[in-house]
Structures are given as structure tokens and as C-alpha cells.
């Protein structure tokens, strides 16, 4: 990944958009998080410390979904328990 290109710009490229669509068609990819993780692994999207940039990729995927590039899996529902 170019140091001057944002993750959103990287995902907007035709070959990478095609990769995202292929991953979306994979039945093993059921959640947005698993998609973001797979995208980061396949495109080597890492921060300077070497960690995958999953949160940033997830945000870029949502922005590009809003622009009509693809349809992401529905967000998972968080179930919280109140104690006390």
C-alpha cells in the first residue's frame, strides 16, 4: 500500500473493489469484521507497528457501501447485560 493513499482510496481501485466483491461472495465471510480482516490480510493493510488496520478498513468499507459500491453483511447486534 502506498503511504500516501488512504485505505478508502486503495479499496476504491478496480482490482481491489473486485477482491472485496469476491470476498463478499465467500460464504465463510459472514460479518463485516471478518470481511475487514480478510481485506487487510489480502492487501497487507498494516499500521507502522505491523497490526492489521481492521477498524479503518471497516470504516472505508462502510463509506464505499454508502456510495453504492457493494452491499455489506448486516451489522451484528450487540447484546448488553445490565448488572446492578
PDB file of N, CA and C in Angstrom:
ATOM      1  N   UNK A   1       0.835  -1.166   0.000  1.00  0.00           N
ATOM      2  CA  UNK A   1       0.000   0.000   0.000  1.00  0.00           C
ATOM      3  C   UNK A   1       0.883   1.233   0.000  1.00  0.00           C
ATOM      4  N   UNK A   2       0.543   2.199  -0.819  1.00  0.00           N
ATOM      5  CA  UNK A   2       1.277   3.448  -0.871  1.00  0.00           C
ATOM      6  C   UNK A   2       1.068   4.224   0.422  1.00  0.00           C
ATOM      7  N   UNK A   3       2.104   4.840   0.906  1.00  0.00           N
ATOM      8  CA  UNK A   3       1.974   5.561   2.166  1.00  0.00           C
ATOM      9  C   UNK A   3       1.106   6.797   2.014  1.00  0.00           C
ATOM     10  N   UNK A   4       0.908   7.293   0.785  1.00  0.00           N
ATOM     11  CA  UNK A   4       0.095   8.485   0.583  1.00  0.00           C
ATOM     12  C   UNK A   4      -1.365   8.148   0.276  1.00  0.00           C
ATOM     13  N   UNK A   5      -1.683   6.905  -0.007  1.00  0.00           N
ATOM     14  CA  UNK A   5      -3.050   6.521  -0.332  1.00  0.00           C
ATOM     15  C   UNK A   5      -3.782   6.059   0.929  1.00  0.00           C
ATOM     16  N   UNK A   6      -4.990   6.582   1.115  1.00  0.00           N
ATOM     17  CA  UNK A   6      -5.784   6.131   2.254  1.00  0.00           C
ATOM     18  C   UNK A   6      -6.342   4.744   1.939  1.00  0.00           C
ATOM     19  N   UNK A   7      -6.802   4.070   2.972  1.00  0.00           N
ATOM     20  CA  UNK A   7      -7.384   2.740   2.768  1.00  0.00           C
ATOM     21  C   UNK A   7      -8.604   2.841   1.868  1.00  0.00           C
ATOM     22  N   UNK A   8      -9.379   3.904   2.030  1.00  0.00           N
ATOM     23  CA  UNK A   8     -10.553   4.082   1.171  1.00  0.00           C
ATOM     24  C   UNK A   8     -10.129   4.213  -0.291  1.00  0.00           C
ATOM     25  N   UNK A   9      -9.072   4.948  -0.564  1.00  0.00           N
ATOM     26  CA  UNK A   9      -8.575   5.081  -1.935  1.00  0.00           C
ATOM     27  C   UNK A   9      -8.071   3.743  -2.462  1.00  0.00           C
ATOM     28  N   UNK A  10      -7.426   2.971  -1.603  1.00  0.00           N
ATOM     29  CA  UNK A  10      -6.923   1.654  -2.009  1.00  0.00           C
ATOM     30  C   UNK A  10      -8.085   0.749  -2.375  1.00  0.00           C
ATOM     31  N   UNK A  11      -9.143   0.748  -1.559  1.00  0.00           N
ATOM     32  CA  UNK A  11     -10.299  -0.117  -1.822  1.00  0.00           C
ATOM     33  C   UNK A  11     -11.109   0.350  -3.026  1.00  0.00           C
ATOM     34  N   UNK A  12     -11.007   1.610  -3.367  1.00  0.00           N
ATOM     35  CA  UNK A  12     -11.752   2.167  -4.494  1.00  0.00           C
ATOM     36  C   UNK A  12     -11.143   1.771  -5.842  1.00  0.00           C
ATOM     37  N   UNK A  13      -9.920   1.283  -5.840  1.00  0.00           N
ATOM     38  CA  UNK A  13      -9.283   0.845  -7.094  1.00  0.00           C
ATOM     39  C   UNK A  13     -10.005  -0.381  -7.631  1.00  0.00           C
ATOM     40  N   UNK A  14     -10.112  -0.477  -8.945  1.00  0.00           N
ATOM     41  CA  UNK A  14     -10.917  -1.526  -9.594  1.00  0.00           C
ATOM     42  C   UNK A  14     -10.512  -2.930  -9.160  1.00  0.00           C
ATOM     43  N   UNK A  15      -9.217  -3.221  -9.122  1.00  0.00           N
ATOM     44  CA  UNK A  15      -8.782  -4.579  -8.782  1.00  0.00           C
ATOM     45  C   UNK A  15      -9.085  -4.913  -7.317  1.00  0.00           C
ATOM     46  N   UNK A  16      -8.999  -3.916  -6.448  1.00  0.00           N
ATOM     47  CA  UNK A  16      -9.286  -4.157  -5.033  1.00  0.00           C
ATOM     48  C   UNK A  16     -10.791  -4.211  -4.776  1.00  0.00           C
ATOM     49  N   UNK A  17     -11.561  -3.420  -5.510  1.00  0.00           N
ATOM     50  CA  UNK A  17     -13.022  -3.499  -5.407  1.00  0.00           C
ATOM     51  C   UNK A  17     -13.492  -4.881  -5.857  1.00  0.00           C
ATOM     52  N   UNK A  18     -12.854  -5.415  -6.875  1.00  0.00           N
ATOM     53  CA  UNK A  18     -13.176  -6.769  -7.353  1.00  0.00           C
ATOM     54  C   UNK A  18     -12.866  -7.800  -6.266  1.00  0.00           C
ATOM     55  N   UNK A  19     -11.755  -7.623  -5.564  1.00  0.00           N
ATOM     56  CA  UNK A  19     -11.394  -8.518  -4.462  1.00  0.00           C
ATOM     57  C   UNK A  19     -12.455  -8.466  -3.360  1.00  0.00           C
ATOM     58  N   UNK A  20     -12.906  -7.270  -3.006  1.00  0.00           N
ATOM     59  CA  UNK A  20     -13.927  -7.137  -1.967  1.00  0.00           C
ATOM     60  C   UNK A  20     -15.200  -7.857  -2.395  1.00  0.00           C
ATOM     61  N   UNK A  21     -15.602  -7.709  -3.648  1.00  0.00           N
ATOM     62  CA  UNK A  21     -16.806  -8.398  -4.129  1.00  0.00           C
ATOM     63  C   UNK A  21     -16.634  -9.919  -4.087  1.00  0.00           C
ATOM     64  N   UNK A  22     -15.445 -10.402  -4.410  1.00  0.00           N
ATOM     65  CA  UNK A  22     -15.175 -11.842  -4.326  1.00  0.00           C
ATOM     66  C   UNK A  22     -15.273 -12.323  -2.876  1.00  0.00           C
ATOM     67  N   UNK A  23     -14.726 -11.536  -1.959  1.00  0.00           N
ATOM     68  CA  UNK A  23     -14.792 -11.903  -0.549  1.00  0.00           C
ATOM     69  C   UNK A  23     -16.239 -11.875  -0.042  1.00  0.00           C
ATOM     70  N   UNK A  24     -17.024 -10.924  -0.519  1.00  0.00           N
ATOM     71  CA  UNK A  24     -18.428 -10.860  -0.120  1.00  0.00           C
ATOM     72  C   UNK A  24     -19.214 -12.077  -0.604  1.00  0.00           C
ATOM     73  N   UNK A  25     -18.786 -12.665  -1.714  1.00  0.00           N
ATOM     74  CA  UNK A  25     -19.455 -13.856  -2.244  1.00  0.00           C
ATOM     75  C   UNK A  25     -19.030 -15.128  -1.509  1.00  0.00           C
ATOM     76  N   UNK A  26     -17.967 -15.058  -0.724  1.00  0.00           N
ATOM     77  CA  UNK A  26     -17.466 -16.215   0.016  1.00  0.00           C
ATOM     78  C   UNK A  26     -18.366 -16.494   1.216  1.00  0.00           C
ATOM     79  N   UNK A  27     -18.960 -17.683   1.305  1.00  0.00           N
ATOM     80  CA  UNK A  27     -19.850 -17.973   2.434  1.00  0.00           C
ATOM     81  C   UNK A  27     -19.150 -17.968   3.791  1.00  0.00           C
ATOM     82  N   UNK A  28     -17.837 -18.067   3.818  1.00  0.00           N
ATOM     83  CA  UNK A  28     -17.107 -18.035   5.080  1.00  0.00           C
ATOM     84  C   UNK A  28     -17.065 -16.617   5.670  1.00  0.00           C
ATOM     85  N   UNK A  29     -17.260 -15.616   4.828  1.00  0.00           N
ATOM     86  CA  UNK A  29     -17.264 -14.225   5.278  1.00  0.00           C
ATOM     87  C   UNK A  29     -18.708 -13.868   5.637  1.00  0.00           C
ATOM     88  N   UNK A  30     -19.007 -13.887   6.935  1.00  0.00           N
ATOM     89  CA  UNK A  30     -20.387 -13.659   7.376  1.00  0.00           C
ATOM     90  C   UNK A  30     -20.587 -12.308   8.054  1.00  0.00           C
ATOM     91  N   UNK A  31     -19.504 -11.705   8.528  1.00  0.00           N
ATOM     92  CA  UNK A  31     -19.634 -10.446   9.261  1.00  0.00           C
ATOM     93  C   UNK A  31     -18.775  -9.364   8.618  1.00  0.00           C
ATOM     94  N   UNK A  32     -19.108  -8.147   8.952  1.00  0.00           N
ATOM     95  CA  UNK A  32     -18.323  -7.015   8.450  1.00  0.00           C
ATOM     96  C   UNK A  32     -16.893  -7.076   8.981  1.00  0.00           C
ATOM     97  N   UNK A  33     -16.749  -7.503  10.227  1.00  0.00           N
ATOM     98  CA  UNK A  33     -15.422  -7.595  10.822  1.00  0.00           C
ATOM     99  C   UNK A  33     -14.569  -8.649  10.116  1.00  0.00           C
ATOM    100  N   UNK A  34     -15.177  -9.796   9.810  1.00  0.00           N
ATOM    101  CA  UNK A  34     -14.403 -10.830   9.119  1.00  0.00           C
ATOM    102  C   UNK A  34     -14.034 -10.373   7.708  1.00  0.00           C
ATOM    103  N   UNK A  35     -14.896  -9.593   7.075  1.00  0.00           N
ATOM    104  CA  UNK A  35     -14.576  -9.035   5.762  1.00  0.00           C
ATOM    105  C   UNK A  35     -13.410  -8.057   5.877  1.00  0.00           C
ATOM    106  N   UNK A  36     -13.488  -7.141   6.832  1.00  0.00           N
ATOM    107  CA  UNK A  36     -12.413  -6.157   7.008  1.00  0.00           C
ATOM    108  C   UNK A  36     -11.084  -6.847   7.299  1.00  0.00           C
ATOM    109  N   UNK A  37     -11.124  -7.880   8.134  1.00  0.00           N
ATOM    110  CA  UNK A  37      -9.899  -8.616   8.459  1.00  0.00           C
ATOM    111  C   UNK A  37      -9.336  -9.301   7.217  1.00  0.00           C
ATOM    112  N   UNK A  38     -10.196  -9.939   6.425  1.00  0.00           N
ATOM    113  CA  UNK A  38      -9.740 -10.615   5.208  1.00  0.00           C
ATOM    114  C   UNK A  38      -9.164  -9.619   4.207  1.00  0.00           C
ATOM    115  N   UNK A  39      -9.788  -8.457   4.074  1.00  0.00           N
ATOM    116  CA  UNK A  39      -9.289  -7.418   3.173  1.00  0.00           C
ATOM    117  C   UNK A  39      -7.906  -6.968   3.628  1.00  0.00           C
ATOM    118  N   UNK A  40      -7.755  -6.722   4.919  1.00  0.00           N
ATOM    119  CA  UNK A  40      -6.457  -6.292   5.445  1.00  0.00           C
ATOM    120  C   UNK A  40      -5.371  -7.342   5.203  1.00  0.00           C
ATOM    121  N   UNK A  41      -5.711  -8.601   5.411  1.00  0.00           N
ATOM    122  CA  UNK A  41      -4.732  -9.667   5.196  1.00  0.00           C
ATOM    123  C   UNK A  41      -4.343  -9.767   3.726  1.00  0.00           C
ATOM    124  N   UNK A  42      -5.334  -9.737   2.844  1.00  0.00           N
ATOM    125  CA  UNK A  42      -5.056  -9.902   1.412  1.00  0.00           C
ATOM    126  C   UNK A  42      -4.310  -8.710   0.816  1.00  0.00           C
ATOM    127  N   UNK A  43      -4.588  -7.499   1.319  1.00  0.00           N
ATOM    128  CA  UNK A  43      -3.963  -6.302   0.756  1.00  0.00           C
ATOM    129  C   UNK A  43      -2.810  -5.780   1.608  1.00  0.00           C
ATOM    130  N   UNK A  44      -2.458  -6.521   2.659  1.00  0.00           N
ATOM    131  CA  UNK A  44      -1.354  -6.140   3.559  1.00  0.00           C
ATOM    132  C   UNK A  44      -1.537  -4.729   4.104  1.00  0.00           C
ATOM    133  N   UNK A  45      -2.739  -4.454   4.606  1.00  0.00           N
ATOM    134  CA  UNK A  45      -3.033  -3.148   5.188  1.00  0.00           C
ATOM    135  C   UNK A  45      -2.659  -3.200   6.669  1.00  0.00           C
ATOM    136  N   UNK A  46      -1.496  -2.656   6.973  1.00  0.00           N
ATOM    137  CA  UNK A  46      -0.955  -2.697   8.335  1.00  0.00           C
ATOM    138  C   UNK A  46      -0.503  -1.317   8.758  1.00  0.00           C
ATOM    139  N   UNK A  47      -0.549  -1.090  10.053  1.00  0.00           N
ATOM    140  CA  UNK A  47      -0.044   0.172  10.595  1.00  0.00           C
ATOM    141  C   UNK A  47       1.471   0.059  10.746  1.00  0.00           C
ATOM    142  N   UNK A  48       2.146   1.135  11.150  1.00  0.00           N
ATOM    143  CA  UNK A  48       3.605   1.089  11.279  1.00  0.00           C
ATOM    144  C   UNK A  48       4.123   0.024  12.244  1.00  0.00           C
ATOM    145  N   UNK A  49       3.286  -0.380  13.195  1.00  0.00           N
ATOM    146  CA  UNK A  49       3.712  -1.426  14.135  1.00  0.00           C
ATOM    147  C   UNK A  49       3.464  -2.832  13.603  1.00  0.00           C
ATOM    148  N   UNK A  50       2.794  -2.920  12.452  1.00  0.00           N
ATOM    149  CA  UNK A  50       2.555  -4.218  11.840  1.00  0.00           C
ATOM    150  C   UNK A  50       1.185  -4.812  12.110  1.00  0.00           C
ATOM    151  N   UNK A  51       0.337  -4.108  12.868  1.00  0.00           N
ATOM    152  CA  UNK A  51      -1.006  -4.612  13.163  1.00  0.00           C
ATOM    153  C   UNK A  51      -1.949  -4.343  11.992  1.00  0.00           C
ATOM    154  N   UNK A  52      -2.873  -5.276  11.762  1.00  0.00           N
ATOM    155  CA  UNK A  52      -3.865  -5.083  10.714  1.00  0.00           C
ATOM    156  C   UNK A  52      -4.728  -3.866  11.030  1.00  0.00           C
ATOM    157  N   UNK A  53      -5.092  -3.113  10.020  1.00  0.00           N
ATOM    158  CA  UNK A  53      -5.897  -1.905  10.191  1.00  0.00           C
ATOM    159  C   UNK A  53      -7.383  -2.226   9.987  1.00  0.00           C
ATOM    160  N   UNK A  54      -7.900  -3.106  10.820  1.00  0.00           N
ATOM    161  CA  UNK A  54      -9.258  -3.621  10.657  1.00  0.00           C
ATOM    162  C   UNK A  54     -10.304  -2.523  10.837  1.00  0.00           C
ATOM    163  N   UNK A  55     -10.186  -1.706  11.863  1.00  0.00           N
ATOM    164  CA  UNK A  55     -11.185  -0.666  12.118  1.00  0.00           C
ATOM    165  C   UNK A  55     -11.227   0.352  10.978  1.00  0.00           C
ATOM    166  N   UNK A  56     -10.070   0.760  10.504  1.00  0.00           N
ATOM    167  CA  UNK A  56     -10.006   1.723   9.415  1.00  0.00           C
ATOM    168  C   UNK A  56     -10.550   1.120   8.125  1.00  0.00           C
ATOM    169  N   UNK A  57     -10.238  -0.144   7.875  1.00  0.00           N
ATOM    170  CA  UNK A  57     -10.766  -0.821   6.684  1.00  0.00           C
ATOM    171  C   UNK A  57     -12.276  -0.969   6.781  1.00  0.00           C
ATOM    172  N   UNK A  58     -12.795  -1.287   7.968  1.00  0.00           N
ATOM    173  CA  UNK A  58     -14.238  -1.420   8.153  1.00  0.00           C
ATOM    174  C   UNK A  58     -14.937  -0.096   7.867  1.00  0.00           C
ATOM    175  N   UNK A  59     -14.370   0.993   8.334  1.00  0.00           N
ATOM    176  CA  UNK A  59     -14.933   2.320   8.077  1.00  0.00           C
ATOM    177  C   UNK A  59     -14.927   2.615   6.585  1.00  0.00           C
ATOM    178  N   UNK A  60     -13.824   2.333   5.908  1.00  0.00           N
ATOM    179  CA  UNK A  60     -13.737   2.574   4.465  1.00  0.00           C
ATOM    180  C   UNK A  60     -14.754   1.713   3.708  1.00  0.00           C
ATOM    181  N   UNK A  61     -14.937   0.472   4.138  1.00  0.00           N
ATOM    182  CA  UNK A  61     -15.930  -0.400   3.503  1.00  0.00           C
ATOM    183  C   UNK A  61     -17.333   0.178   3.665  1.00  0.00           C
ATOM    184  N   UNK A  62     -17.647   0.720   4.841  1.00  0.00           N
ATOM    185  CA  UNK A  62     -18.970   1.318   5.069  1.00  0.00           C
ATOM    186  C   UNK A  62     -19.170   2.569   4.216  1.00  0.00           C
ATOM    187  N   UNK A  63     -18.145   3.402   4.110  1.00  0.00           N
ATOM    188  CA  UNK A  63     -18.243   4.620   3.298  1.00  0.00           C
ATOM    189  C   UNK A  63     -18.479   4.254   1.836  1.00  0.00           C
ATOM    190  N   UNK A  64     -17.725   3.279   1.347  1.00  0.00           N
ATOM    191  CA  UNK A  64     -17.877   2.874  -0.051  1.00  0.00           C
ATOM    192  C   UNK A  64     -19.209   2.157  -0.286  1.00  0.00           C
ATOM    193  N   UNK A  65     -19.721   1.477   0.729  1.00  0.00           N
ATOM    194  CA  UNK A  65     -21.056   0.885   0.608  1.00  0.00           C
ATOM    195  C   UNK A  65     -22.095   1.994   0.442  1.00  0.00           C
ATOM    196  N   UNK A  66     -21.957   3.064   1.196  1.00  0.00           N
ATOM    197  CA  UNK A  66     -22.884   4.196   1.105  1.00  0.00           C
ATOM    198  C   UNK A  66     -22.829   4.846  -0.276  1.00  0.00           C
ATOM    199  N   UNK A  67     -21.701   4.713  -0.960  1.00  0.00           N
ATOM    200  CA  UNK A  67     -21.551   5.249  -2.313  1.00  0.00           C
ATOM    201  C   UNK A  67     -22.050   4.267  -3.370  1.00  0.00           C
ATOM    202  N   UNK A  68     -22.534   3.100  -2.929  1.00  0.00           N
ATOM    203  CA  UNK A  68     -23.128   2.134  -3.849  1.00  0.00           C
ATOM    204  C   UNK A  68     -22.180   1.124  -4.459  1.00  0.00           C
ATOM    205  N   UNK A  69     -20.981   0.978  -3.900  1.00  0.00           N
ATOM    206  CA  UNK A  69     -20.005   0.053  -4.493  1.00  0.00           C
ATOM    207  C   UNK A  69     -20.345  -1.408  -4.228  1.00  0.00           C
ATOM    208  N   UNK A  70     -20.945  -1.711  -3.074  1.00  0.00           N
ATOM    209  CA  UNK A  70     -21.296  -3.085  -2.717  1.00  0.00           C
ATOM    210  C   UNK A  70     -22.286  -3.065  -1.577  1.00  0.00           C
ATOM    211  N   UNK A  71     -22.785  -4.230  -1.225  1.00  0.00           N
ATOM    212  CA  UNK A  71     -23.712  -4.402  -0.101  1.00  0.00           C
ATOM    213  C   UNK A  71     -23.004  -5.254   0.938  1.00  0.00           C
ATOM    214  N   UNK A  72     -22.774  -4.689   2.106  1.00  0.00           N
ATOM    215  CA  UNK A  72     -22.094  -5.399   3.184  1.00  0.00           C
ATOM    216  C   UNK A  72     -23.081  -6.280   3.942  1.00  0.00           C
ATOM    217  N   UNK A  73     -22.549  -7.280   4.659  1.00  0.00           N
ATOM    218  CA  UNK A  73     -23.425  -8.066   5.537  1.00  0.00           C
ATOM    219  C   UNK A  73     -24.058  -7.131   6.572  1.00  0.00           C
ATOM    220  N   UNK A  74     -25.223  -7.493   7.081  1.00  0.00           N
ATOM    221  CA  UNK A  74     -25.836  -6.633   8.098  1.00  0.00           C
ATOM    222  C   UNK A  74     -24.962  -6.557   9.345  1.00  0.00           C
ATOM    223  N   UNK A  75     -25.006  -5.421  10.046  1.00  0.00           N
ATOM    224  CA  UNK A  75     -24.206  -5.318  11.276  1.00  0.00           C
ATOM    225  C   UNK A  75     -24.701  -6.315  12.307  1.00  0.00           C
ATOM    226  N   UNK A  76     -23.768  -6.836  13.077  1.00  0.00           N
ATOM    227  CA  UNK A  76     -24.168  -7.758  14.136  1.00  0.00           C
ATOM    228  C   UNK A  76     -24.733  -6.944  15.288  1.00  0.00           C
ATOM    229  N   UNK A  77     -25.683  -7.517  15.974  1.00  0.00           N
ATOM    230  CA  UNK A  77     -26.311  -6.831  17.091  1.00  0.00           C
ATOM    231  C   UNK A  77     -25.540  -7.141  18.362  1.00  0.00           C
ATOM    232  N   UNK A  78     -25.261  -6.099  19.095  1.00  0.00           N
ATOM    233  CA  UNK A  78     -24.584  -6.280  20.375  1.00  0.00           C
ATOM    234  C   UNK A  78     -25.642  -6.441  21.457  1.00  0.00           C
ATOM    235  N   UNK A  79     -25.500  -7.446  22.245  1.00  0.00           N
ATOM    236  CA  UNK A  79     -26.412  -7.685  23.347  1.00  0.00           C
ATOM    237  C   UNK A  79     -25.679  -7.356  24.630  1.00  0.00           C
ATOM    238  N   UNK A  80     -26.182  -6.382  25.312  1.00  0.00           N
ATOM    239  CA  UNK A  80     -25.520  -5.996  26.562  1.00  0.00           C
ATOM    240  C   UNK A  80     -26.414  -6.409  27.735  1.00  0.00           C
ATOM    241  N   UNK A  81     -25.774  -6.717  28.811  1.00  0.00           N
ATOM    242  CA  UNK A  81     -26.483  -7.077  30.035  1.00  0.00           C
ATOM    243  C   UNK A  81     -26.226  -5.996  31.060  1.00  0.00           C
ATOM    244  N   UNK A  82     -27.282  -5.606  31.714  1.00  0.00           N
ATOM    245  CA  UNK A  82     -27.122  -4.613  32.773  1.00  0.00           C
ATOM    246  C   UNK A  82     -27.038  -5.336  34.097  1.00  0.00           C
ATOM    247  N   UNK A  83     -26.027  -5.000  34.824  1.00  0.00           N
ATOM    248  CA  UNK A  83     -25.842  -5.588  36.154  1.00  0.00           C
ATOM    249  C   UNK A  83     -26.141  -4.516  37.189  1.00  0.00           C
ATOM    250  N   UNK A  84     -26.743  -4.930  38.269  1.00  0.00           N
ATOM    251  CA  UNK A  84     -26.926  -3.993  39.347  1.00  0.00           C
ATOM    252  C   UNK A  84     -28.281  -3.823  39.742  1.00  0.00           C
TER     253      UNK A  84
END
